[in-house]
Amino acid sequence: MNVSSSPHVRAKDTTSKIMQCVFIALLPASLFGIYNFGLNALIIIAVTVAACVATEYIYEKLMKKPVTVNDWSAAVTGLLLALNLPCPYGTENVIRMCLMAILGSVFAIVIVKQLFGGLGQNFMNPALGARCFLLISFTSRMTTFAMADGVSTATPLALLKAGESVNTLDMVIGRIPGTIGETSVIAIIIGAIFLIWKDIITLRIPGSYLISFAIFVLIFGGHGLDLNFLCAHLAGGGLMLGAFFMATDYVTSPITKRGQIVYGIILGCLTGLFRLFGGSAEGVSYAIIFTNLLVPLIERVTLPKPFGKGGEK
């Protein structure tokens, strides 16, 4: 029996149940990615998930720590990392991408997660930390995208940055090049609705993120009230996947309600800044990681005053 002081808050949710729900919510985007890019996408997803789970198991065994692979957090990290990877074509290229995925998995689990104390102690999202590590280490391969026919082509965001027009409907459906899990807005929204229905996430972070990003694009995008340009930015890249599945990570996002809104606004502004004025057409990963570092400060500023505390001086 554990004895502790009041108040006592009880819930039926456990870490494993929450992570299982997140894993299930990512399946629509995963299945569409497999449909969009073929069997190679399935291979990359399977290898990345297996590598994350195996890395956590081996590390905890070697360190003589309790094995926590049953909480599904490593599996979720692996699936998120896989969905943030491009899908190449050709046996040799797929093998190289799988090796990169394994390297990224080790970085995510060991460097970002376990060295800081395991689940609940990591200061940034492990999957995004690994993706940025791979982007820096293998820039060319991580920014080369192809469709199911194997022909490499520019992403819609790259076309927008070059001043060209894009088909927004194709971006919403997913008939575009990109990473395995970011192409279909519809598939991502289906998973997000499931998480909201299960009370795993709320709309505070993704809502404030997307609204602040939209305002930033309208003000600084140089296209005025061009709704096609705005919708293309909202549907393009990893914005939707990041807003609903990575920015809402319990460990690396604020716990206060006001803090979550502030967090989302900072995310939106940083993403807009990186996309519109940065050298890359994308910016979601770096925006989330940088804002993860600000979470302690955000919580400190937005922490409610305890009941009965004296007035402001």
C-alpha atoms as a PDB file:
ATOM      1  CA  MET A   1       0.000   0.000   0.000  1.00  0.00           C
ATOM      2  CA  ASN A   2       1.310   3.441  -1.019  1.00  0.00           C
ATOM      3  CA  VAL A   3       0.598   6.191   1.499  1.00  0.00           C
ATOM      4  CA  SER A   4       0.554   9.755   0.172  1.00  0.00           C
ATOM      5  CA  SER A   5      -0.994  13.094   1.029  1.00  0.00           C
ATOM      6  CA  SER A   6      -4.163  14.389  -0.581  1.00  0.00           C
ATOM      7  CA  PRO A   7      -5.453  15.271  -3.094  1.00  0.00           C
ATOM      8  CA  HIS A   8      -5.696  11.875  -4.774  1.00  0.00           C
ATOM      9  CA  VAL A   9      -6.384  11.745  -8.507  1.00  0.00           C
ATOM     10  CA  ARG A  10      -7.260   8.371  -9.973  1.00  0.00           C
ATOM     11  CA  ALA A  11      -7.665   7.449 -13.620  1.00  0.00           C
ATOM     12  CA  LYS A  12      -7.981   4.202 -15.533  1.00  0.00           C
ATOM     13  CA  ASP A  13      -5.466   5.349 -18.126  1.00  0.00           C
ATOM     14  CA  THR A  14      -1.973   3.885 -17.997  1.00  0.00           C
ATOM     15  CA  THR A  15       1.121   4.735 -20.001  1.00  0.00           C
ATOM     16  CA  SER A  16       0.767   1.583 -22.088  1.00  0.00           C
ATOM     17  CA  LYS A  17      -2.917   2.283 -22.859  1.00  0.00           C
ATOM     18  CA  ILE A  18      -2.166   5.851 -23.892  1.00  0.00           C
ATOM     19  CA  MET A  19       0.730   4.764 -26.089  1.00  0.00           C
ATOM     20  CA  GLN A  20      -1.377   2.026 -27.656  1.00  0.00           C
ATOM     21  CA  CYS A  21      -4.007   4.635 -28.536  1.00  0.00           C
ATOM     22  CA  VAL A  22      -1.355   6.856 -30.121  1.00  0.00           C
ATOM     23  CA  PHE A  23      -0.010   3.870 -32.076  1.00  0.00           C
ATOM     24  CA  ILE A  24      -3.522   3.040 -33.325  1.00  0.00           C
ATOM     25  CA  ALA A  25      -4.125   6.684 -34.240  1.00  0.00           C
ATOM     26  CA  LEU A  26      -0.986   6.657 -36.395  1.00  0.00           C
ATOM     27  CA  LEU A  27      -2.158   3.623 -38.374  1.00  0.00           C
ATOM     28  CA  PRO A  28      -4.287   5.556 -40.939  1.00  0.00           C
ATOM     29  CA  ALA A  29      -1.277   7.691 -41.901  1.00  0.00           C
ATOM     30  CA  SER A  30       0.930   4.578 -41.913  1.00  0.00           C
ATOM     31  CA  LEU A  31      -1.445   2.591 -44.116  1.00  0.00           C
ATOM     32  CA  PHE A  32      -1.824   5.468 -46.542  1.00  0.00           C
ATOM     33  CA  GLY A  33       1.956   5.835 -46.654  1.00  0.00           C
ATOM     34  CA  ILE A  34       2.250   2.151 -47.570  1.00  0.00           C
ATOM     35  CA  TYR A  35      -0.464   2.592 -50.214  1.00  0.00           C
ATOM     36  CA  ASN A  36       1.215   5.738 -51.550  1.00  0.00           C
ATOM     37  CA  PHE A  37       4.816   4.511 -51.629  1.00  0.00           C
ATOM     38  CA  GLY A  38       4.456   0.735 -51.795  1.00  0.00           C
ATOM     39  CA  LEU A  39       6.087  -2.189 -50.012  1.00  0.00           C
ATOM     40  CA  ASN A  40       9.302  -0.255 -49.368  1.00  0.00           C
ATOM     41  CA  ALA A  41       7.415   1.999 -46.946  1.00  0.00           C
ATOM     42  CA  LEU A  42       6.211  -1.048 -45.012  1.00  0.00           C
ATOM     43  CA  ILE A  43       9.781  -2.364 -44.795  1.00  0.00           C
ATOM     44  CA  ILE A  44      11.083   0.970 -43.446  1.00  0.00           C
ATOM     45  CA  ILE A  45       8.256   1.193 -40.892  1.00  0.00           C
ATOM     46  CA  ALA A  46       8.801  -2.380 -39.681  1.00  0.00           C
ATOM     47  CA  VAL A  47      12.581  -1.964 -39.421  1.00  0.00           C
ATOM     48  CA  THR A  48      12.352   1.353 -37.549  1.00  0.00           C
ATOM     49  CA  VAL A  49       9.773   0.161 -35.020  1.00  0.00           C
ATOM     50  CA  ALA A  50      11.695  -3.064 -34.418  1.00  0.00           C
ATOM     51  CA  ALA A  51      14.981  -1.144 -34.057  1.00  0.00           C
ATOM     52  CA  CYS A  52      13.532   1.211 -31.422  1.00  0.00           C
ATOM     53  CA  VAL A  53      12.006  -1.614 -29.388  1.00  0.00           C
ATOM     54  CA  ALA A  54      15.174  -3.733 -29.621  1.00  0.00           C
ATOM     55  CA  THR A  55      17.402  -0.784 -28.701  1.00  0.00           C
ATOM     56  CA  GLU A  56      15.373  -0.012 -25.578  1.00  0.00           C
ATOM     57  CA  TYR A  57      15.326  -3.673 -24.531  1.00  0.00           C
ATOM     58  CA  ILE A  58      19.082  -4.166 -25.048  1.00  0.00           C
ATOM     59  CA  TYR A  59      20.027  -0.887 -23.332  1.00  0.00           C
ATOM     60  CA  GLU A  60      17.901  -1.575 -20.276  1.00  0.00           C
ATOM     61  CA  LYS A  61      19.219  -5.134 -20.020  1.00  0.00           C
ATOM     62  CA  LEU A  62      22.827  -3.939 -20.264  1.00  0.00           C
ATOM     63  CA  MET A  63      22.219  -1.199 -17.689  1.00  0.00           C
ATOM     64  CA  LYS A  64      20.369  -3.668 -15.420  1.00  0.00           C
ATOM     65  CA  LYS A  65      17.285  -1.451 -15.442  1.00  0.00           C
ATOM     66  CA  PRO A  66      13.644  -2.611 -15.528  1.00  0.00           C
ATOM     67  CA  VAL A  67      12.639  -3.430 -19.097  1.00  0.00           C
ATOM     68  CA  THR A  68       9.903  -1.035 -20.208  1.00  0.00           C
ATOM     69  CA  VAL A  69       9.235  -2.069 -23.805  1.00  0.00           C
ATOM     70  CA  ASN A  70       5.754  -3.201 -22.759  1.00  0.00           C
ATOM     71  CA  ASP A  71       4.688   0.423 -22.278  1.00  0.00           C
ATOM     72  CA  TRP A  72       4.661   0.865 -26.086  1.00  0.00           C
ATOM     73  CA  SER A  73       6.578   4.157 -25.917  1.00  0.00           C
ATOM     74  CA  ALA A  74       9.494   2.745 -27.915  1.00  0.00           C
ATOM     75  CA  ALA A  75       7.101   1.376 -30.549  1.00  0.00           C
ATOM     76  CA  VAL A  76       5.428   4.799 -30.864  1.00  0.00           C
ATOM     77  CA  THR A  77       8.825   6.476 -31.188  1.00  0.00           C
ATOM     78  CA  GLY A  78       9.773   4.026 -33.931  1.00  0.00           C
ATOM     79  CA  LEU A  79       6.529   4.540 -35.833  1.00  0.00           C
ATOM     80  CA  LEU A  80       6.764   8.341 -35.586  1.00  0.00           C
ATOM     81  CA  LEU A  81      10.368   8.275 -36.772  1.00  0.00           C
ATOM     82  CA  ALA A  82       9.454   6.014 -39.698  1.00  0.00           C
ATOM     83  CA  LEU A  83       6.611   8.309 -40.731  1.00  0.00           C
ATOM     84  CA  ASN A  84       9.102  11.194 -40.797  1.00  0.00           C
ATOM     85  CA  LEU A  85      11.435   9.402 -43.212  1.00  0.00           C
ATOM     86  CA  PRO A  86      11.333   9.559 -47.021  1.00  0.00           C
ATOM     87  CA  CYS A  87      10.732   6.348 -48.947  1.00  0.00           C
ATOM     88  CA  PRO A  88      13.395   5.704 -51.612  1.00  0.00           C
ATOM     89  CA  TYR A  89      13.178   3.205 -54.462  1.00  0.00           C
ATOM     90  CA  GLY A  90      15.624   0.528 -55.510  1.00  0.00           C
ATOM     91  CA  THR A  91      16.936  -2.268 -53.285  1.00  0.00           C
ATOM     92  CA  GLU A  92      20.235  -0.539 -52.512  1.00  0.00           C
ATOM     93  CA  ASN A  93      18.562   2.744 -51.564  1.00  0.00           C
ATOM     94  CA  VAL A  94      16.015   0.999 -49.338  1.00  0.00           C
ATOM     95  CA  ILE A  95      18.790  -0.881 -47.517  1.00  0.00           C
ATOM     96  CA  ARG A  96      20.630   2.402 -46.930  1.00  0.00           C
ATOM     97  CA  MET A  97      17.474   4.033 -45.621  1.00  0.00           C
ATOM     98  CA  CYS A  98      16.901   1.103 -43.271  1.00  0.00           C
ATOM     99  CA  LEU A  99      20.440   1.464 -41.938  1.00  0.00           C
ATOM    100  CA  MET A 100      19.826   5.180 -41.432  1.00  0.00           C
ATOM    101  CA  ALA A 101      16.556   4.338 -39.664  1.00  0.00           C
ATOM    102  CA  ILE A 102      18.379   1.963 -37.320  1.00  0.00           C
ATOM    103  CA  LEU A 103      20.973   4.634 -36.557  1.00  0.00           C
ATOM    104  CA  GLY A 104      18.203   7.152 -35.919  1.00  0.00           C
ATOM    105  CA  SER A 105      16.405   4.663 -33.677  1.00  0.00           C
ATOM    106  CA  VAL A 106      19.504   4.179 -31.524  1.00  0.00           C
ATOM    107  CA  PHE A 107      19.926   7.959 -31.277  1.00  0.00           C
ATOM    108  CA  ALA A 108      16.271   8.458 -30.315  1.00  0.00           C
ATOM    109  CA  ILE A 109      16.163   5.756 -27.650  1.00  0.00           C
ATOM    110  CA  VAL A 110      19.647   5.949 -26.152  1.00  0.00           C
ATOM    111  CA  ILE A 111      20.744   9.575 -26.562  1.00  0.00           C
ATOM    112  CA  VAL A 112      17.449  11.467 -26.342  1.00  0.00           C
ATOM    113  CA  LYS A 113      15.444   9.166 -24.077  1.00  0.00           C
ATOM    114  CA  GLN A 114      17.431   6.747 -21.903  1.00  0.00           C
ATOM    115  CA  LEU A 115      20.460   8.899 -21.091  1.00  0.00           C
ATOM    116  CA  PHE A 116      18.099  11.468 -19.570  1.00  0.00           C
ATOM    117  CA  GLY A 117      16.330   8.919 -17.396  1.00  0.00           C
ATOM    118  CA  GLY A 118      13.863   7.196 -19.719  1.00  0.00           C
ATOM    119  CA  LEU A 119      10.231   7.956 -20.461  1.00  0.00           C
ATOM    120  CA  GLY A 120       9.087  11.132 -18.724  1.00  0.00           C
ATOM    121  CA  GLN A 121      12.591  12.601 -18.411  1.00  0.00           C
ATOM    122  CA  ASN A 122      13.532  13.357 -22.035  1.00  0.00           C
ATOM    123  CA  PHE A 123      13.707  17.078 -22.802  1.00  0.00           C
ATOM    124  CA  MET A 124      12.661  16.782 -26.457  1.00  0.00           C
ATOM    125  CA  ASN A 125      10.599  14.454 -28.607  1.00  0.00           C
ATOM    126  CA  PRO A 126      12.842  11.413 -29.327  1.00  0.00           C
ATOM    127  CA  ALA A 127      11.493  10.801 -32.844  1.00  0.00           C
ATOM    128  CA  LEU A 128      11.980  14.425 -33.881  1.00  0.00           C
ATOM    129  CA  GLY A 129      15.396  14.541 -32.254  1.00  0.00           C
ATOM    130  CA  ALA A 130      16.396  11.527 -34.344  1.00  0.00           C
ATOM    131  CA  ARG A 131      14.907  13.023 -37.510  1.00  0.00           C
ATOM    132  CA  CYS A 132      16.897  16.238 -37.067  1.00  0.00           C
ATOM    133  CA  PHE A 133      20.017  14.180 -36.350  1.00  0.00           C
ATOM    134  CA  LEU A 134      19.496  12.295 -39.624  1.00  0.00           C
ATOM    135  CA  LEU A 135      18.727  15.527 -41.502  1.00  0.00           C
ATOM    136  CA  ILE A 136      22.043  16.987 -40.398  1.00  0.00           C
ATOM    137  CA  SER A 137      23.986  13.770 -41.032  1.00  0.00           C
ATOM    138  CA  PHE A 138      22.380  12.676 -44.319  1.00  0.00           C
ATOM    139  CA  THR A 139      20.888  15.863 -45.743  1.00  0.00           C
ATOM    140  CA  SER A 140      20.734  14.730 -49.357  1.00  0.00           C
ATOM    141  CA  ARG A 141      19.003  11.409 -48.684  1.00  0.00           C
ATOM    142  CA  MET A 142      16.624  12.895 -46.126  1.00  0.00           C
ATOM    143  CA  THR A 143      15.480  15.603 -48.554  1.00  0.00           C
ATOM    144  CA  THR A 144      15.088  13.447 -51.677  1.00  0.00           C
ATOM    145  CA  PHE A 145      11.473  12.448 -52.256  1.00  0.00           C
ATOM    146  CA  ALA A 146       9.870  10.224 -54.878  1.00  0.00           C
ATOM    147  CA  MET A 147       6.426   8.972 -55.828  1.00  0.00           C
ATOM    148  CA  ALA A 148       5.426   5.345 -56.303  1.00  0.00           C
ATOM    149  CA  ASP A 149       6.909   5.285 -59.806  1.00  0.00           C
ATOM    150  CA  GLY A 150      10.329   5.978 -58.312  1.00  0.00           C
ATOM    151  CA  VAL A 151      10.724   9.367 -60.012  1.00  0.00           C
ATOM    152  CA  SER A 152      12.164  11.996 -57.662  1.00  0.00           C
ATOM    153  CA  THR A 153      10.311  15.292 -57.600  1.00  0.00           C
ATOM    154  CA  ALA A 154      10.032  18.438 -55.531  1.00  0.00           C
ATOM    155  CA  THR A 155       7.583  18.599 -52.650  1.00  0.00           C
ATOM    156  CA  PRO A 156       4.695  21.091 -52.787  1.00  0.00           C
ATOM    157  CA  LEU A 157       6.378  23.240 -50.131  1.00  0.00           C
ATOM    158  CA  ALA A 158       9.536  23.416 -52.242  1.00  0.00           C
ATOM    159  CA  LEU A 159       7.425  24.470 -55.225  1.00  0.00           C
ATOM    160  CA  LEU A 160       5.689  27.130 -53.120  1.00  0.00           C
ATOM    161  CA  LYS A 161       9.034  28.470 -51.952  1.00  0.00           C
ATOM    162  CA  ALA A 162      10.138  28.675 -55.585  1.00  0.00           C
ATOM    163  CA  GLY A 163       7.040  30.722 -56.415  1.00  0.00           C
ATOM    164  CA  GLU A 164       5.188  28.004 -58.314  1.00  0.00           C
ATOM    165  CA  SER A 165       1.566  26.937 -57.911  1.00  0.00           C
ATOM    166  CA  VAL A 166       0.455  23.631 -56.340  1.00  0.00           C
ATOM    167  CA  ASN A 167      -2.685  21.496 -56.274  1.00  0.00           C
ATOM    168  CA  THR A 168      -4.097  21.863 -52.763  1.00  0.00           C
ATOM    169  CA  LEU A 169      -6.626  19.033 -53.228  1.00  0.00           C
ATOM    170  CA  ASP A 170      -3.806  16.598 -54.014  1.00  0.00           C
ATOM    171  CA  MET A 171      -2.075  17.733 -50.836  1.00  0.00           C
ATOM    172  CA  VAL A 172      -5.171  17.087 -48.724  1.00  0.00           C
ATOM    173  CA  ILE A 173      -5.722  13.640 -50.247  1.00  0.00           C
ATOM    174  CA  GLY A 174      -2.041  12.693 -50.274  1.00  0.00           C
ATOM    175  CA  ARG A 175      -1.111  12.347 -53.939  1.00  0.00           C
ATOM    176  CA  ILE A 176       2.163  14.179 -53.369  1.00  0.00           C
ATOM    177  CA  PRO A 177       5.808  13.384 -52.586  1.00  0.00           C
ATOM    178  CA  GLY A 178       6.993  13.685 -48.997  1.00  0.00           C
ATOM    179  CA  THR A 179       7.838  11.548 -46.013  1.00  0.00           C
ATOM    180  CA  ILE A 180       5.926   8.311 -45.478  1.00  0.00           C
ATOM    181  CA  GLY A 181       3.398   9.655 -42.982  1.00  0.00           C
ATOM    182  CA  GLU A 182       2.993  13.346 -43.764  1.00  0.00           C
ATOM    183  CA  THR A 183       1.338  13.302 -47.198  1.00  0.00           C
ATOM    184  CA  SER A 184      -2.345  12.669 -46.429  1.00  0.00           C
ATOM    185  CA  VAL A 185      -4.064  15.306 -44.306  1.00  0.00           C
ATOM    186  CA  ILE A 186      -7.223  13.175 -44.278  1.00  0.00           C
ATOM    187  CA  ALA A 187      -5.434  10.164 -42.770  1.00  0.00           C
ATOM    188  CA  ILE A 188      -3.759  12.334 -40.132  1.00  0.00           C
ATOM    189  CA  ILE A 189      -7.048  14.018 -39.183  1.00  0.00           C
ATOM    190  CA  ILE A 190      -8.726  10.607 -38.785  1.00  0.00           C
ATOM    191  CA  GLY A 191      -6.035   9.621 -36.286  1.00  0.00           C
ATOM    192  CA  ALA A 192      -6.289  12.988 -34.521  1.00  0.00           C
ATOM    193  CA  ILE A 193     -10.068  12.634 -34.136  1.00  0.00           C
ATOM    194  CA  PHE A 194      -9.501   9.232 -32.534  1.00  0.00           C
ATOM    195  CA  LEU A 195      -7.076  10.738 -30.004  1.00  0.00           C
ATOM    196  CA  ILE A 196      -9.471  13.576 -29.176  1.00  0.00           C
ATOM    197  CA  TRP A 197     -12.358  11.098 -28.801  1.00  0.00           C
ATOM    198  CA  LYS A 198     -10.268   9.006 -26.398  1.00  0.00           C
ATOM    199  CA  ASP A 199      -9.321  12.166 -24.423  1.00  0.00           C
ATOM    200  CA  ILE A 200      -5.634  11.565 -25.108  1.00  0.00           C
ATOM    201  CA  ILE A 201      -5.148  15.081 -26.497  1.00  0.00           C
ATOM    202  CA  THR A 202      -7.087  18.346 -26.566  1.00  0.00           C
ATOM    203  CA  LEU A 203      -7.249  21.020 -29.246  1.00  0.00           C
ATOM    204  CA  ARG A 204      -5.385  23.607 -27.168  1.00  0.00           C
ATOM    205  CA  ILE A 205      -1.916  22.885 -28.579  1.00  0.00           C
ATOM    206  CA  PRO A 206      -2.759  21.918 -32.185  1.00  0.00           C
ATOM    207  CA  GLY A 207      -5.450  24.604 -32.406  1.00  0.00           C
ATOM    208  CA  SER A 208      -3.245  27.451 -31.179  1.00  0.00           C
ATOM    209  CA  TYR A 209      -0.382  26.069 -33.303  1.00  0.00           C
ATOM    210  CA  LEU A 210      -2.337  26.010 -36.566  1.00  0.00           C
ATOM    211  CA  ILE A 211      -4.155  29.312 -35.969  1.00  0.00           C
ATOM    212  CA  SER A 212      -0.984  31.219 -35.067  1.00  0.00           C
ATOM    213  CA  PHE A 213       0.820  29.680 -38.047  1.00  0.00           C
ATOM    214  CA  ALA A 214      -2.027  30.687 -40.387  1.00  0.00           C
ATOM    215  CA  ILE A 215      -1.967  34.270 -39.061  1.00  0.00           C
ATOM    216  CA  PHE A 216       1.810  34.413 -39.475  1.00  0.00           C
ATOM    217  CA  VAL A 217       1.558  33.224 -43.103  1.00  0.00           C
ATOM    218  CA  LEU A 218      -1.208  35.721 -43.898  1.00  0.00           C
ATOM    219  CA  ILE A 219       0.830  38.602 -42.469  1.00  0.00           C
ATOM    220  CA  PHE A 220       4.323  37.716 -43.689  1.00  0.00           C
ATOM    221  CA  GLY A 221       3.703  35.315 -46.597  1.00  0.00           C
ATOM    222  CA  GLY A 222       3.605  38.073 -49.181  1.00  0.00           C
ATOM    223  CA  HIS A 223       0.400  36.743 -50.763  1.00  0.00           C
ATOM    224  CA  GLY A 224      -2.172  38.687 -48.781  1.00  0.00           C
ATOM    225  CA  LEU A 225      -5.464  36.821 -48.321  1.00  0.00           C
ATOM    226  CA  ASP A 226      -4.587  34.144 -50.880  1.00  0.00           C
ATOM    227  CA  LEU A 227      -6.462  31.194 -49.350  1.00  0.00           C
ATOM    228  CA  ASN A 228      -4.948  28.674 -51.776  1.00  0.00           C
ATOM    229  CA  PHE A 229      -1.455  29.688 -50.633  1.00  0.00           C
ATOM    230  CA  LEU A 230      -2.521  29.467 -46.979  1.00  0.00           C
ATOM    231  CA  CYS A 231      -4.242  26.083 -47.366  1.00  0.00           C
ATOM    232  CA  ALA A 232      -1.228  24.715 -49.214  1.00  0.00           C
ATOM    233  CA  HIS A 233       1.014  25.673 -46.306  1.00  0.00           C
ATOM    234  CA  LEU A 234      -1.404  24.164 -43.788  1.00  0.00           C
ATOM    235  CA  ALA A 235      -1.675  20.907 -45.739  1.00  0.00           C
ATOM    236  CA  GLY A 236       1.972  20.688 -46.756  1.00  0.00           C
ATOM    237  CA  GLY A 237       4.941  19.103 -45.063  1.00  0.00           C
ATOM    238  CA  GLY A 238       4.817  17.757 -41.542  1.00  0.00           C
ATOM    239  CA  LEU A 239       2.625  20.496 -40.055  1.00  0.00           C
ATOM    240  CA  MET A 240      -0.490  18.390 -39.428  1.00  0.00           C
ATOM    241  CA  LEU A 241       1.482  15.353 -38.256  1.00  0.00           C
ATOM    242  CA  GLY A 242       3.586  17.535 -35.982  1.00  0.00           C
ATOM    243  CA  ALA A 243       0.665  19.546 -34.599  1.00  0.00           C
ATOM    244  CA  PHE A 244      -1.453  16.555 -33.560  1.00  0.00           C
ATOM    245  CA  PHE A 245       1.090  13.825 -32.813  1.00  0.00           C
ATOM    246  CA  MET A 246       4.413  15.387 -31.798  1.00  0.00           C
ATOM    247  CA  ALA A 247       3.701  18.822 -30.377  1.00  0.00           C
ATOM    248  CA  THR A 248       1.144  17.182 -28.045  1.00  0.00           C
ATOM    249  CA  ASP A 249       3.669  14.773 -26.525  1.00  0.00           C
ATOM    250  CA  TYR A 250       2.909  14.655 -22.782  1.00  0.00           C
ATOM    251  CA  VAL A 251       6.548  14.702 -21.711  1.00  0.00           C
ATOM    252  CA  THR A 252       7.769  17.631 -23.799  1.00  0.00           C
ATOM    253  CA  SER A 253       4.710  19.923 -23.762  1.00  0.00           C
ATOM    254  CA  PRO A 254       3.415  22.184 -20.963  1.00  0.00           C
ATOM    255  CA  ILE A 255       0.945  20.842 -18.399  1.00  0.00           C
ATOM    256  CA  THR A 256      -0.795  24.159 -17.738  1.00  0.00           C
ATOM    257  CA  LYS A 257      -3.712  25.186 -19.974  1.00  0.00           C
ATOM    258  CA  ARG A 258      -2.391  28.690 -20.577  1.00  0.00           C
ATOM    259  CA  GLY A 259       1.062  27.253 -21.117  1.00  0.00           C
ATOM    260  CA  GLN A 260      -0.242  24.944 -23.828  1.00  0.00           C
ATOM    261  CA  ILE A 261      -1.741  27.878 -25.709  1.00  0.00           C
ATOM    262  CA  VAL A 262       1.476  29.906 -25.382  1.00  0.00           C
ATOM    263  CA  TYR A 263       3.418  26.821 -26.495  1.00  0.00           C
ATOM    264  CA  GLY A 264       1.216  26.465 -29.593  1.00  0.00           C
ATOM    265  CA  ILE A 265       1.577  30.151 -30.494  1.00  0.00           C
ATOM    266  CA  ILE A 266       5.374  29.957 -30.276  1.00  0.00           C
ATOM    267  CA  LEU A 267       5.314  26.816 -32.421  1.00  0.00           C
ATOM    268  CA  GLY A 268       3.201  28.536 -35.071  1.00  0.00           C
ATOM    269  CA  CYS A 269       5.436  31.605 -35.206  1.00  0.00           C
ATOM    270  CA  LEU A 270       8.656  29.588 -35.357  1.00  0.00           C
ATOM    271  CA  THR A 271       7.309  27.266 -38.057  1.00  0.00           C
ATOM    272  CA  GLY A 272       6.215  30.251 -40.137  1.00  0.00           C
ATOM    273  CA  LEU A 273       9.579  31.930 -39.606  1.00  0.00           C
ATOM    274  CA  PHE A 274      11.531  28.843 -40.679  1.00  0.00           C
ATOM    275  CA  ARG A 275       9.311  28.144 -43.689  1.00  0.00           C
ATOM    276  CA  LEU A 276       9.014  31.651 -45.088  1.00  0.00           C
ATOM    277  CA  PHE A 277      12.449  33.051 -44.292  1.00  0.00           C
ATOM    278  CA  GLY A 278      14.656  29.982 -43.738  1.00  0.00           C
ATOM    279  CA  GLY A 279      16.733  28.128 -46.278  1.00  0.00           C
ATOM    280  CA  SER A 280      14.537  25.019 -46.105  1.00  0.00           C
ATOM    281  CA  ALA A 281      10.930  24.708 -47.266  1.00  0.00           C
ATOM    282  CA  GLU A 282      10.044  22.874 -44.025  1.00  0.00           C
ATOM    283  CA  GLY A 283      10.481  23.870 -40.401  1.00  0.00           C
ATOM    284  CA  VAL A 284       8.141  21.845 -38.188  1.00  0.00           C
ATOM    285  CA  SER A 285      10.759  19.539 -36.669  1.00  0.00           C
ATOM    286  CA  TYR A 286      13.125  22.302 -35.620  1.00  0.00           C
ATOM    287  CA  ALA A 287      10.257  24.480 -34.373  1.00  0.00           C
ATOM    288  CA  ILE A 288       8.981  21.724 -32.077  1.00  0.00           C
ATOM    289  CA  ILE A 289      12.439  20.858 -30.749  1.00  0.00           C
ATOM    290  CA  PHE A 290      13.334  24.494 -30.041  1.00  0.00           C
ATOM    291  CA  THR A 291      10.001  25.071 -28.310  1.00  0.00           C
ATOM    292  CA  ASN A 292      10.466  21.877 -26.262  1.00  0.00           C
ATOM    293  CA  LEU A 293      13.469  23.623 -24.711  1.00  0.00           C
ATOM    294  CA  LEU A 294      11.257  26.536 -23.660  1.00  0.00           C
ATOM    295  CA  VAL A 295       8.667  24.380 -21.876  1.00  0.00           C
ATOM    296  CA  PRO A 296      10.156  24.788 -18.343  1.00  0.00           C
ATOM    297  CA  LEU A 297      10.104  28.576 -18.775  1.00  0.00           C
ATOM    298  CA  ILE A 298       6.578  28.528 -20.220  1.00  0.00           C
ATOM    299  CA  GLU A 299       5.326  26.464 -17.284  1.00  0.00           C
ATOM    300  CA  ARG A 300       7.044  28.726 -14.788  1.00  0.00           C
ATOM    301  CA  VAL A 301       5.369  31.820 -16.252  1.00  0.00           C
ATOM    302  CA  THR A 302       1.919  30.254 -16.691  1.00  0.00           C
ATOM    303  CA  LEU A 303       1.723  28.221 -13.475  1.00  0.00           C
ATOM    304  CA  PRO A 304      -1.500  29.131 -11.614  1.00  0.00           C
ATOM    305  CA  LYS A 305      -1.096  30.829  -8.256  1.00  0.00           C
ATOM    306  CA  PRO A 306      -1.900  28.450  -5.349  1.00  0.00           C
ATOM    307  CA  PHE A 307      -5.259  29.005  -3.669  1.00  0.00           C
ATOM    308  CA  GLY A 308      -4.955  31.438  -0.746  1.00  0.00           C
ATOM    309  CA  LYS A 309      -1.642  32.887  -1.954  1.00  0.00           C
ATOM    310  CA  GLY A 310      -1.152  36.584  -1.307  1.00  0.00           C
ATOM    311  CA  GLY A 311      -1.840  39.192  -3.953  1.00  0.00           C
ATOM    312  CA  GLU A 312       0.670  40.539  -6.405  1.00  0.00           C
ATOM    313  CA  LYS A 313       3.177  43.052  -5.040  1.00  0.00           C
END
